[in-house]
Amino acid sequence: VDAANLSSRSLISVKWLARIAIVFPILFLLTLFLLFSK
């Protein structure tokens, strides 16, 4: 994304979405396992 020629606002938004995409699946599954593992 740094070399994609996006505006600075879009660049910041895309970087945050990318960071969320990295951690979200594992955190979501861990939350489900903690809620429903009995």
PDB file of all heavy atoms in Angstrom:
ATOM      1  N   VAL A   1       0.804  -1.222   0.000  1.00  0.00           N
ATOM      2  CA  VAL A   1       0.000   0.000   0.000  1.00  0.00           C
ATOM      3  C   VAL A   1       0.843   1.282   0.000  1.00  0.00           C
ATOM      4  O   VAL A   1       0.394   2.302  -0.512  1.00  0.00           O
ATOM      5  CB  VAL A   1      -1.013  -0.018   1.168  1.00  0.00           C
ATOM      6  CG1 VAL A   1      -0.344   0.279   2.484  1.00  0.00           C
ATOM      7  CG2 VAL A   1      -2.148   0.948   0.904  1.00  0.00           C
ATOM      8  N   ASP A   2       2.035   1.246   0.530  1.00  0.00           N
ATOM      9  CA  ASP A   2       2.855   2.467   0.549  1.00  0.00           C
ATOM     10  C   ASP A   2       3.184   2.973  -0.848  1.00  0.00           C
ATOM     11  O   ASP A   2       3.300   4.170  -1.073  1.00  0.00           O
ATOM     12  CB  ASP A   2       4.148   2.223   1.331  1.00  0.00           C
ATOM     13  CG  ASP A   2       3.916   2.186   2.824  1.00  0.00           C
ATOM     14  OD1 ASP A   2       2.996   2.890   3.293  1.00  0.00           O
ATOM     15  OD2 ASP A   2       4.635   1.452   3.519  1.00  0.00           O
ATOM     16  N   ALA A   3       3.343   2.056  -1.782  1.00  0.00           N
ATOM     17  CA  ALA A   3       3.686   2.451  -3.150  1.00  0.00           C
ATOM     18  C   ALA A   3       2.465   2.502  -4.064  1.00  0.00           C
ATOM     19  O   ALA A   3       2.606   2.608  -5.276  1.00  0.00           O
ATOM     20  CB  ALA A   3       4.710   1.475  -3.709  1.00  0.00           C
ATOM     21  N   ALA A   4       1.271   2.458  -3.514  1.00  0.00           N
ATOM     22  CA  ALA A   4       0.053   2.381  -4.327  1.00  0.00           C
ATOM     23  C   ALA A   4      -0.493   3.736  -4.758  1.00  0.00           C
ATOM     24  O   ALA A   4      -1.538   3.798  -5.391  1.00  0.00           O
ATOM     25  CB  ALA A   4      -1.031   1.624  -3.574  1.00  0.00           C
ATOM     26  N   ASN A   5       0.154   4.824  -4.408  1.00  0.00           N
ATOM     27  CA  ASN A   5      -0.274   6.177  -4.782  1.00  0.00           C
ATOM     28  C   ASN A   5      -1.685   6.505  -4.305  1.00  0.00           C
ATOM     29  O   ASN A   5      -2.511   7.018  -5.055  1.00  0.00           O
ATOM     30  CB  ASN A   5      -0.176   6.395  -6.294  1.00  0.00           C
ATOM     31  CG  ASN A   5       1.244   6.331  -6.785  1.00  0.00           C
ATOM     32  OD1 ASN A   5       2.175   6.672  -6.067  1.00  0.00           O
ATOM     33  ND2 ASN A   5       1.418   5.865  -8.003  1.00  0.00           N
ATOM     34  N   LEU A   6      -1.966   6.200  -3.053  1.00  0.00           N
ATOM     35  CA  LEU A   6      -3.239   6.577  -2.455  1.00  0.00           C
ATOM     36  C   LEU A   6      -3.069   7.891  -1.707  1.00  0.00           C
ATOM     37  O   LEU A   6      -1.959   8.272  -1.333  1.00  0.00           O
ATOM     38  CB  LEU A   6      -3.707   5.491  -1.481  1.00  0.00           C
ATOM     39  CG  LEU A   6      -4.006   4.122  -2.068  1.00  0.00           C
ATOM     40  CD1 LEU A   6      -4.337   3.141  -0.965  1.00  0.00           C
ATOM     41  CD2 LEU A   6      -5.135   4.194  -3.063  1.00  0.00           C
ATOM     42  N   SER A   7      -4.177   8.577  -1.471  1.00  0.00           N
ATOM     43  CA  SER A   7      -4.112   9.799  -0.677  1.00  0.00           C
ATOM     44  C   SER A   7      -3.724   9.431   0.751  1.00  0.00           C
ATOM     45  O   SER A   7      -3.862   8.285   1.185  1.00  0.00           O
ATOM     46  CB  SER A   7      -5.458  10.515  -0.696  1.00  0.00           C
ATOM     47  OG  SER A   7      -6.430   9.737  -0.037  1.00  0.00           O
ATOM     48  N   SER A   8      -3.254  10.413   1.489  1.00  0.00           N
ATOM     49  CA  SER A   8      -2.771  10.112   2.844  1.00  0.00           C
ATOM     50  C   SER A   8      -3.891   9.580   3.740  1.00  0.00           C
ATOM     51  O   SER A   8      -3.673   8.679   4.550  1.00  0.00           O
ATOM     52  CB  SER A   8      -2.130  11.348   3.470  1.00  0.00           C
ATOM     53  OG  SER A   8      -3.078  12.388   3.589  1.00  0.00           O
ATOM     54  N   ARG A   9      -5.088  10.106   3.579  1.00  0.00           N
ATOM     55  CA  ARG A   9      -6.218   9.621   4.380  1.00  0.00           C
ATOM     56  C   ARG A   9      -6.565   8.171   4.032  1.00  0.00           C
ATOM     57  O   ARG A   9      -6.797   7.344   4.905  1.00  0.00           O
ATOM     58  CB  ARG A   9      -7.421  10.533   4.158  1.00  0.00           C
ATOM     59  CG  ARG A   9      -8.594  10.176   5.001  1.00  0.00           C
ATOM     60  CD  ARG A   9      -9.716  11.159   4.797  1.00  0.00           C
ATOM     61  NE  ARG A   9     -10.861  10.750   5.579  1.00  0.00           N
ATOM     62  CZ  ARG A   9     -11.656  11.571   6.199  1.00  0.00           C
ATOM     63  NH1 ARG A   9     -11.437  12.864   6.124  1.00  0.00           N
ATOM     64  NH2 ARG A   9     -12.676  11.122   6.881  1.00  0.00           N
ATOM     65  N   SER A  10      -6.580   7.860   2.746  1.00  0.00           N
ATOM     66  CA  SER A  10      -6.853   6.492   2.318  1.00  0.00           C
ATOM     67  C   SER A  10      -5.740   5.551   2.749  1.00  0.00           C
ATOM     68  O   SER A  10      -5.997   4.411   3.143  1.00  0.00           O
ATOM     69  CB  SER A  10      -7.005   6.422   0.805  1.00  0.00           C
ATOM     70  OG  SER A  10      -8.121   7.144   0.381  1.00  0.00           O
ATOM     71  N   LEU A  11      -4.514   6.034   2.687  1.00  0.00           N
ATOM     72  CA  LEU A  11      -3.374   5.221   3.094  1.00  0.00           C
ATOM     73  C   LEU A  11      -3.477   4.821   4.567  1.00  0.00           C
ATOM     74  O   LEU A  11      -3.278   3.649   4.921  1.00  0.00           O
ATOM     75  CB  LEU A  11      -2.073   5.983   2.837  1.00  0.00           C
ATOM     76  CG  LEU A  11      -0.777   5.256   3.118  1.00  0.00           C
ATOM     77  CD1 LEU A  11      -0.606   4.088   2.174  1.00  0.00           C
ATOM     78  CD2 LEU A  11       0.380   6.213   2.996  1.00  0.00           C
ATOM     79  N   ILE A  12      -3.839   5.775   5.407  1.00  0.00           N
ATOM     80  CA  ILE A  12      -3.992   5.491   6.837  1.00  0.00           C
ATOM     81  C   ILE A  12      -5.133   4.506   7.064  1.00  0.00           C
ATOM     82  O   ILE A  12      -5.002   3.547   7.840  1.00  0.00           O
ATOM     83  CB  ILE A  12      -4.213   6.807   7.612  1.00  0.00           C
ATOM     84  CG1 ILE A  12      -2.941   7.645   7.597  1.00  0.00           C
ATOM     85  CG2 ILE A  12      -4.648   6.520   9.041  1.00  0.00           C
ATOM     86  CD1 ILE A  12      -3.136   9.065   8.097  1.00  0.00           C
ATOM     87  N   SER A  13      -6.250   4.701   6.378  1.00  0.00           N
ATOM     88  CA  SER A  13      -7.400   3.796   6.536  1.00  0.00           C
ATOM     89  C   SER A  13      -7.072   2.378   6.081  1.00  0.00           C
ATOM     90  O   SER A  13      -7.420   1.405   6.757  1.00  0.00           O
ATOM     91  CB  SER A  13      -8.590   4.312   5.733  1.00  0.00           C
ATOM     92  OG  SER A  13      -8.977   5.576   6.175  1.00  0.00           O
ATOM     93  N   VAL A  14      -6.399   2.259   4.952  1.00  0.00           N
ATOM     94  CA  VAL A  14      -6.053   0.936   4.437  1.00  0.00           C
ATOM     95  C   VAL A  14      -5.065   0.242   5.372  1.00  0.00           C
ATOM     96  O   VAL A  14      -5.170  -0.963   5.620  1.00  0.00           O
ATOM     97  CB  VAL A  14      -5.503   1.039   2.997  1.00  0.00           C
ATOM     98  CG1 VAL A  14      -4.878  -0.266   2.547  1.00  0.00           C
ATOM     99  CG2 VAL A  14      -6.607   1.449   2.049  1.00  0.00           C
ATOM    100  N   LYS A  15      -4.125   0.995   5.920  1.00  0.00           N
ATOM    101  CA  LYS A  15      -3.175   0.389   6.854  1.00  0.00           C
ATOM    102  C   LYS A  15      -3.872  -0.118   8.108  1.00  0.00           C
ATOM    103  O   LYS A  15      -3.540  -1.185   8.619  1.00  0.00           O
ATOM    104  CB  LYS A  15      -2.079   1.385   7.228  1.00  0.00           C
ATOM    105  CG  LYS A  15      -1.030   1.532   6.159  1.00  0.00           C
ATOM    106  CD  LYS A  15       0.093   2.418   6.637  1.00  0.00           C
ATOM    107  CE  LYS A  15       1.202   2.466   5.619  1.00  0.00           C
ATOM    108  NZ  LYS A  15       2.344   3.249   6.088  1.00  0.00           N
ATOM    109  N   TRP A  16      -4.851   0.633   8.607  1.00  0.00           N
ATOM    110  CA  TRP A  16      -5.597   0.158   9.779  1.00  0.00           C
ATOM    111  C   TRP A  16      -6.428  -1.069   9.448  1.00  0.00           C
ATOM    112  O   TRP A  16      -6.512  -2.013  10.246  1.00  0.00           O
ATOM    113  CB  TRP A  16      -6.469   1.272  10.352  1.00  0.00           C
ATOM    114  CG  TRP A  16      -5.712   2.097  11.331  1.00  0.00           C
ATOM    115  CD1 TRP A  16      -5.253   3.364  11.150  1.00  0.00           C
ATOM    116  CD2 TRP A  16      -5.296   1.696  12.638  1.00  0.00           C
ATOM    117  NE1 TRP A  16      -4.577   3.774  12.272  1.00  0.00           N
ATOM    118  CE2 TRP A  16      -4.583   2.772  13.204  1.00  0.00           C
ATOM    119  CE3 TRP A  16      -5.446   0.526  13.385  1.00  0.00           C
ATOM    120  CZ2 TRP A  16      -4.036   2.707  14.475  1.00  0.00           C
ATOM    121  CZ3 TRP A  16      -4.892   0.466  14.653  1.00  0.00           C
ATOM    122  CH2 TRP A  16      -4.195   1.552  15.177  1.00  0.00           C
ATOM    123  N   LEU A  17      -7.060  -1.081   8.280  1.00  0.00           N
ATOM    124  CA  LEU A  17      -7.811  -2.272   7.873  1.00  0.00           C
ATOM    125  C   LEU A  17      -6.896  -3.486   7.736  1.00  0.00           C
ATOM    126  O   LEU A  17      -7.264  -4.604   8.101  1.00  0.00           O
ATOM    127  CB  LEU A  17      -8.537  -2.026   6.550  1.00  0.00           C
ATOM    128  CG  LEU A  17      -9.877  -1.333   6.629  1.00  0.00           C
ATOM    129  CD1 LEU A  17     -10.393  -1.044   5.222  1.00  0.00           C
ATOM    130  CD2 LEU A  17     -10.877  -2.182   7.376  1.00  0.00           C
ATOM    131  N   ALA A  18      -5.693  -3.267   7.218  1.00  0.00           N
ATOM    132  CA  ALA A  18      -4.739  -4.365   7.079  1.00  0.00           C
ATOM    133  C   ALA A  18      -4.324  -4.906   8.444  1.00  0.00           C
ATOM    134  O   ALA A  18      -4.231  -6.122   8.638  1.00  0.00           O
ATOM    135  CB  ALA A  18      -3.518  -3.899   6.299  1.00  0.00           C
ATOM    136  N   ARG A  19      -4.092  -4.020   9.383  1.00  0.00           N
ATOM    137  CA  ARG A  19      -3.733  -4.473  10.738  1.00  0.00           C
ATOM    138  C   ARG A  19      -4.879  -5.248  11.379  1.00  0.00           C
ATOM    139  O   ARG A  19      -4.660  -6.251  12.057  1.00  0.00           O
ATOM    140  CB  ARG A  19      -3.354  -3.276  11.598  1.00  0.00           C
ATOM    141  CG  ARG A  19      -2.077  -2.615  11.163  1.00  0.00           C
ATOM    142  CD  ARG A  19      -1.788  -1.365  11.979  1.00  0.00           C
ATOM    143  NE  ARG A  19      -0.653  -0.661  11.436  1.00  0.00           N
ATOM    144  CZ  ARG A  19      -0.641   0.632  11.151  1.00  0.00           C
ATOM    145  NH1 ARG A  19      -1.715   1.374  11.391  1.00  0.00           N
ATOM    146  NH2 ARG A  19       0.427   1.193  10.644  1.00  0.00           N
ATOM    147  N   ILE A  20      -6.093  -4.789  11.162  1.00  0.00           N
ATOM    148  CA  ILE A  20      -7.256  -5.502  11.701  1.00  0.00           C
ATOM    149  C   ILE A  20      -7.393  -6.864  11.025  1.00  0.00           C
ATOM    150  O   ILE A  20      -7.700  -7.860  11.686  1.00  0.00           O
ATOM    151  CB  ILE A  20      -8.531  -4.649  11.527  1.00  0.00           C
ATOM    152  CG1 ILE A  20      -8.457  -3.419  12.438  1.00  0.00           C
ATOM    153  CG2 ILE A  20      -9.783  -5.455  11.833  1.00  0.00           C
ATOM    154  CD1 ILE A  20      -9.521  -2.385  12.161  1.00  0.00           C
ATOM    155  N   ALA A  21      -7.154  -6.933   9.719  1.00  0.00           N
ATOM    156  CA  ALA A  21      -7.244  -8.207   9.002  1.00  0.00           C
ATOM    157  C   ALA A  21      -6.219  -9.213   9.516  1.00  0.00           C
ATOM    158  O   ALA A  21      -6.456 -10.421   9.471  1.00  0.00           O
ATOM    159  CB  ALA A  21      -7.047  -7.985   7.504  1.00  0.00           C
ATOM    160  N   ILE A  22      -5.100  -8.730  10.021  1.00  0.00           N
ATOM    161  CA  ILE A  22      -4.070  -9.623  10.542  1.00  0.00           C
ATOM    162  C   ILE A  22      -4.514 -10.264  11.851  1.00  0.00           C
ATOM    163  O   ILE A  22      -4.369 -11.467  12.049  1.00  0.00           O
ATOM    164  CB  ILE A  22      -2.739  -8.864  10.723  1.00  0.00           C
ATOM    165  CG1 ILE A  22      -2.164  -8.494   9.356  1.00  0.00           C
ATOM    166  CG2 ILE A  22      -1.739  -9.696  11.529  1.00  0.00           C
ATOM    167  CD1 ILE A  22      -0.997  -7.539   9.417  1.00  0.00           C
ATOM    168  N   VAL A  23      -5.092  -9.494  12.755  1.00  0.00           N
ATOM    169  CA  VAL A  23      -5.401 -10.019  14.087  1.00  0.00           C
ATOM    170  C   VAL A  23      -6.846 -10.469  14.265  1.00  0.00           C
ATOM    171  O   VAL A  23      -7.121 -11.263  15.157  1.00  0.00           O
ATOM    172  CB  VAL A  23      -5.047  -8.982  15.187  1.00  0.00           C
ATOM    173  CG1 VAL A  23      -3.576  -8.675  15.175  1.00  0.00           C
ATOM    174  CG2 VAL A  23      -5.872  -7.738  15.062  1.00  0.00           C
ATOM    175  N   PHE A  24      -7.762 -10.001  13.437  1.00  0.00           N
ATOM    176  CA  PHE A  24      -9.175 -10.280  13.671  1.00  0.00           C
ATOM    177  C   PHE A  24      -9.541 -11.759  13.636  1.00  0.00           C
ATOM    178  O   PHE A  24     -10.257 -12.223  14.526  1.00  0.00           O
ATOM    179  CB  PHE A  24     -10.060  -9.499  12.693  1.00  0.00           C
ATOM    180  CG  PHE A  24     -11.521  -9.750  12.892  1.00  0.00           C
ATOM    181  CD1 PHE A  24     -12.194  -9.160  13.938  1.00  0.00           C
ATOM    182  CD2 PHE A  24     -12.214 -10.613  12.051  1.00  0.00           C
ATOM    183  CE1 PHE A  24     -13.543  -9.387  14.142  1.00  0.00           C
ATOM    184  CE2 PHE A  24     -13.561 -10.851  12.240  1.00  0.00           C
ATOM    185  CZ  PHE A  24     -14.222 -10.244  13.286  1.00  0.00           C
ATOM    186  N   PRO A  25      -9.114 -12.532  12.639  1.00  0.00           N
ATOM    187  CA  PRO A  25      -9.579 -13.936  12.603  1.00  0.00           C
ATOM    188  C   PRO A  25      -9.196 -14.736  13.849  1.00  0.00           C
ATOM    189  O   PRO A  25     -10.023 -15.446  14.408  1.00  0.00           O
ATOM    190  CB  PRO A  25      -8.900 -14.505  11.352  1.00  0.00           C
ATOM    191  CG  PRO A  25      -8.594 -13.336  10.514  1.00  0.00           C
ATOM    192  CD  PRO A  25      -8.339 -12.210  11.451  1.00  0.00           C
ATOM    193  N   ILE A  26      -7.977 -14.597  14.300  1.00  0.00           N
ATOM    194  CA  ILE A  26      -7.562 -15.375  15.463  1.00  0.00           C
ATOM    195  C   ILE A  26      -8.248 -14.873  16.727  1.00  0.00           C
ATOM    196  O   ILE A  26      -8.655 -15.667  17.576  1.00  0.00           O
ATOM    197  CB  ILE A  26      -6.026 -15.414  15.595  1.00  0.00           C
ATOM    198  CG1 ILE A  26      -5.591 -16.456  16.629  1.00  0.00           C
ATOM    199  CG2 ILE A  26      -5.453 -14.068  15.959  1.00  0.00           C
ATOM    200  CD1 ILE A  26      -5.803 -17.855  16.208  1.00  0.00           C
ATOM    201  N   LEU A  27      -8.404 -13.568  16.868  1.00  0.00           N
ATOM    202  CA  LEU A  27      -9.108 -13.045  18.042  1.00  0.00           C
ATOM    203  C   LEU A  27     -10.578 -13.434  18.035  1.00  0.00           C
ATOM    204  O   LEU A  27     -11.149 -13.743  19.081  1.00  0.00           O
ATOM    205  CB  LEU A  27      -8.955 -11.523  18.118  1.00  0.00           C
ATOM    206  CG  LEU A  27      -7.570 -11.001  18.456  1.00  0.00           C
ATOM    207  CD1 LEU A  27      -7.565  -9.475  18.457  1.00  0.00           C
ATOM    208  CD2 LEU A  27      -7.104 -11.529  19.788  1.00  0.00           C
ATOM    209  N   PHE A  28     -11.190 -13.437  16.874  1.00  0.00           N
ATOM    210  CA  PHE A  28     -12.595 -13.827  16.758  1.00  0.00           C
ATOM    211  C   PHE A  28     -12.774 -15.291  17.152  1.00  0.00           C
ATOM    212  O   PHE A  28     -13.686 -15.638  17.913  1.00  0.00           O
ATOM    213  CB  PHE A  28     -13.081 -13.581  15.325  1.00  0.00           C
ATOM    214  CG  PHE A  28     -14.544 -13.816  15.132  1.00  0.00           C
ATOM    215  CD1 PHE A  28     -15.470 -12.873  15.534  1.00  0.00           C
ATOM    216  CD2 PHE A  28     -15.005 -14.977  14.536  1.00  0.00           C
ATOM    217  CE1 PHE A  28     -16.831 -13.077  15.361  1.00  0.00           C
ATOM    218  CE2 PHE A  28     -16.353 -15.202  14.347  1.00  0.00           C
ATOM    219  CZ  PHE A  28     -17.266 -14.247  14.767  1.00  0.00           C
ATOM    220  N   LEU A  29     -11.902 -16.159  16.642  1.00  0.00           N
ATOM    221  CA  LEU A  29     -12.010 -17.578  16.981  1.00  0.00           C
ATOM    222  C   LEU A  29     -11.710 -17.831  18.452  1.00  0.00           C
ATOM    223  O   LEU A  29     -12.378 -18.641  19.101  1.00  0.00           O
ATOM    224  CB  LEU A  29     -11.082 -18.404  16.101  1.00  0.00           C
ATOM    225  CG  LEU A  29     -11.552 -18.597  14.667  1.00  0.00           C
ATOM    226  CD1 LEU A  29     -10.528 -19.382  13.875  1.00  0.00           C
ATOM    227  CD2 LEU A  29     -12.895 -19.273  14.619  1.00  0.00           C
ATOM    228  N   LEU A  30     -10.722 -17.152  18.999  1.00  0.00           N
ATOM    229  CA  LEU A  30     -10.431 -17.308  20.423  1.00  0.00           C
ATOM    230  C   LEU A  30     -11.617 -16.870  21.280  1.00  0.00           C
ATOM    231  O   LEU A  30     -11.945 -17.525  22.270  1.00  0.00           O
ATOM    232  CB  LEU A  30      -9.176 -16.523  20.802  1.00  0.00           C
ATOM    233  CG  LEU A  30      -7.852 -17.130  20.363  1.00  0.00           C
ATOM    234  CD1 LEU A  30      -6.719 -16.168  20.667  1.00  0.00           C
ATOM    235  CD2 LEU A  30      -7.628 -18.473  21.002  1.00  0.00           C
ATOM    236  N   THR A  31     -12.260 -15.793  20.884  1.00  0.00           N
ATOM    237  CA  THR A  31     -13.439 -15.331  21.616  1.00  0.00           C
ATOM    238  C   THR A  31     -14.569 -16.364  21.541  1.00  0.00           C
ATOM    239  O   THR A  31     -15.214 -16.662  22.549  1.00  0.00           O
ATOM    240  CB  THR A  31     -13.930 -13.986  21.050  1.00  0.00           C
ATOM    241  OG1 THR A  31     -12.864 -13.043  21.114  1.00  0.00           O
ATOM    242  CG2 THR A  31     -15.115 -13.467  21.815  1.00  0.00           C
ATOM    243  N   LEU A  32     -14.792 -16.915  20.355  1.00  0.00           N
ATOM    244  CA  LEU A  32     -15.825 -17.946  20.212  1.00  0.00           C
ATOM    245  C   LEU A  32     -15.499 -19.183  21.054  1.00  0.00           C
ATOM    246  O   LEU A  32     -16.377 -19.744  21.701  1.00  0.00           O
ATOM    247  CB  LEU A  32     -15.984 -18.347  18.744  1.00  0.00           C
ATOM    248  CG  LEU A  32     -16.678 -17.356  17.836  1.00  0.00           C
ATOM    249  CD1 LEU A  32     -16.734 -17.911  16.417  1.00  0.00           C
ATOM    250  CD2 LEU A  32     -18.075 -17.045  18.329  1.00  0.00           C
ATOM    251  N   PHE A  33     -14.250 -19.590  21.044  1.00  0.00           N
ATOM    252  CA  PHE A  33     -13.876 -20.775  21.818  1.00  0.00           C
ATOM    253  C   PHE A  33     -14.019 -20.523  23.308  1.00  0.00           C
ATOM    254  O   PHE A  33     -14.438 -21.391  24.056  1.00  0.00           O
ATOM    255  CB  PHE A  33     -12.457 -21.220  21.487  1.00  0.00           C
ATOM    256  CG  PHE A  33     -12.304 -21.782  20.107  1.00  0.00           C
ATOM    257  CD1 PHE A  33     -11.144 -21.601  19.384  1.00  0.00           C
ATOM    258  CD2 PHE A  33     -13.324 -22.516  19.507  1.00  0.00           C
ATOM    259  CE1 PHE A  33     -10.991 -22.125  18.116  1.00  0.00           C
ATOM    260  CE2 PHE A  33     -13.198 -23.044  18.248  1.00  0.00           C
ATOM    261  CZ  PHE A  33     -12.014 -22.845  17.548  1.00  0.00           C
ATOM    262  N   LEU A  34     -13.691 -19.326  23.755  1.00  0.00           N
ATOM    263  CA  LEU A  34     -13.836 -19.012  25.167  1.00  0.00           C
ATOM    264  C   LEU A  34     -15.316 -18.916  25.573  1.00  0.00           C
ATOM    265  O   LEU A  34     -15.690 -19.312  26.676  1.00  0.00           O
ATOM    266  CB  LEU A  34     -13.128 -17.704  25.507  1.00  0.00           C
ATOM    267  CG  LEU A  34     -11.603 -17.779  25.514  1.00  0.00           C
ATOM    268  CD1 LEU A  34     -11.021 -16.379  25.698  1.00  0.00           C
ATOM    269  CD2 LEU A  34     -11.110 -18.704  26.602  1.00  0.00           C
ATOM    270  N   LEU A  35     -16.142 -18.394  24.689  1.00  0.00           N
ATOM    271  CA  LEU A  35     -17.571 -18.261  25.009  1.00  0.00           C
ATOM    272  C   LEU A  35     -18.302 -19.594  24.999  1.00  0.00           C
ATOM    273  O   LEU A  35     -19.190 -19.826  25.819  1.00  0.00           O
ATOM    274  CB  LEU A  35     -18.245 -17.309  24.028  1.00  0.00           C
ATOM    275  CG  LEU A  35     -17.916 -15.832  24.159  1.00  0.00           C
ATOM    276  CD1 LEU A  35     -18.561 -15.046  23.033  1.00  0.00           C
ATOM    277  CD2 LEU A  35     -18.379 -15.295  25.507  1.00  0.00           C
ATOM    278  N   PHE A  36     -17.957 -20.458  24.054  1.00  0.00           N
ATOM    279  CA  PHE A  36     -18.758 -21.660  23.850  1.00  0.00           C
ATOM    280  C   PHE A  36     -18.070 -22.957  24.255  1.00  0.00           C
ATOM    281  O   PHE A  36     -18.594 -24.029  24.004  1.00  0.00           O
ATOM    282  CB  PHE A  36     -19.185 -21.761  22.379  1.00  0.00           C
ATOM    283  CG  PHE A  36     -20.051 -20.629  21.952  1.00  0.00           C
ATOM    284  CD1 PHE A  36     -19.613 -19.680  21.047  1.00  0.00           C
ATOM    285  CD2 PHE A  36     -21.315 -20.482  22.486  1.00  0.00           C
ATOM    286  CE1 PHE A  36     -20.413 -18.636  20.647  1.00  0.00           C
ATOM    287  CE2 PHE A  36     -22.137 -19.430  22.096  1.00  0.00           C
ATOM    288  CZ  PHE A  36     -21.680 -18.512  21.182  1.00  0.00           C
ATOM    289  N   SER A  37     -16.919 -22.908  24.869  1.00  0.00           N
ATOM    290  CA  SER A  37     -16.266 -24.146  25.293  1.00  0.00           C
ATOM    291  C   SER A  37     -16.626 -24.444  26.745  1.00  0.00           C
ATOM    292  O   SER A  37     -16.113 -23.843  27.667  1.00  0.00           O
ATOM    293  CB  SER A  37     -14.751 -24.023  25.121  1.00  0.00           C
ATOM    294  OG  SER A  37     -14.258 -23.037  25.989  1.00  0.00           O
ATOM    295  N   LYS A  38     -17.517 -25.371  26.901  1.00  0.00           N
ATOM    296  CA  LYS A  38     -17.938 -25.761  28.249  1.00  0.00           C
ATOM    297  C   LYS A  38     -17.922 -27.250  28.357  1.00  0.00           C
ATOM    298  O   LYS A  38     -18.170 -27.999  27.514  1.00  0.00           O
ATOM    299  CB  LYS A  38     -19.331 -25.243  28.575  1.00  0.00           C
ATOM    300  CG  LYS A  38     -19.343 -23.771  28.767  1.00  0.00           C
ATOM    301  CD  LYS A  38     -20.736 -23.338  29.195  1.00  0.00           C
ATOM    302  CE  LYS A  38     -20.730 -21.834  29.396  1.00  0.00           C
ATOM    303  NZ  LYS A  38     -21.982 -21.348  29.886  1.00  0.00           N
TER     304      LYS A  38
END
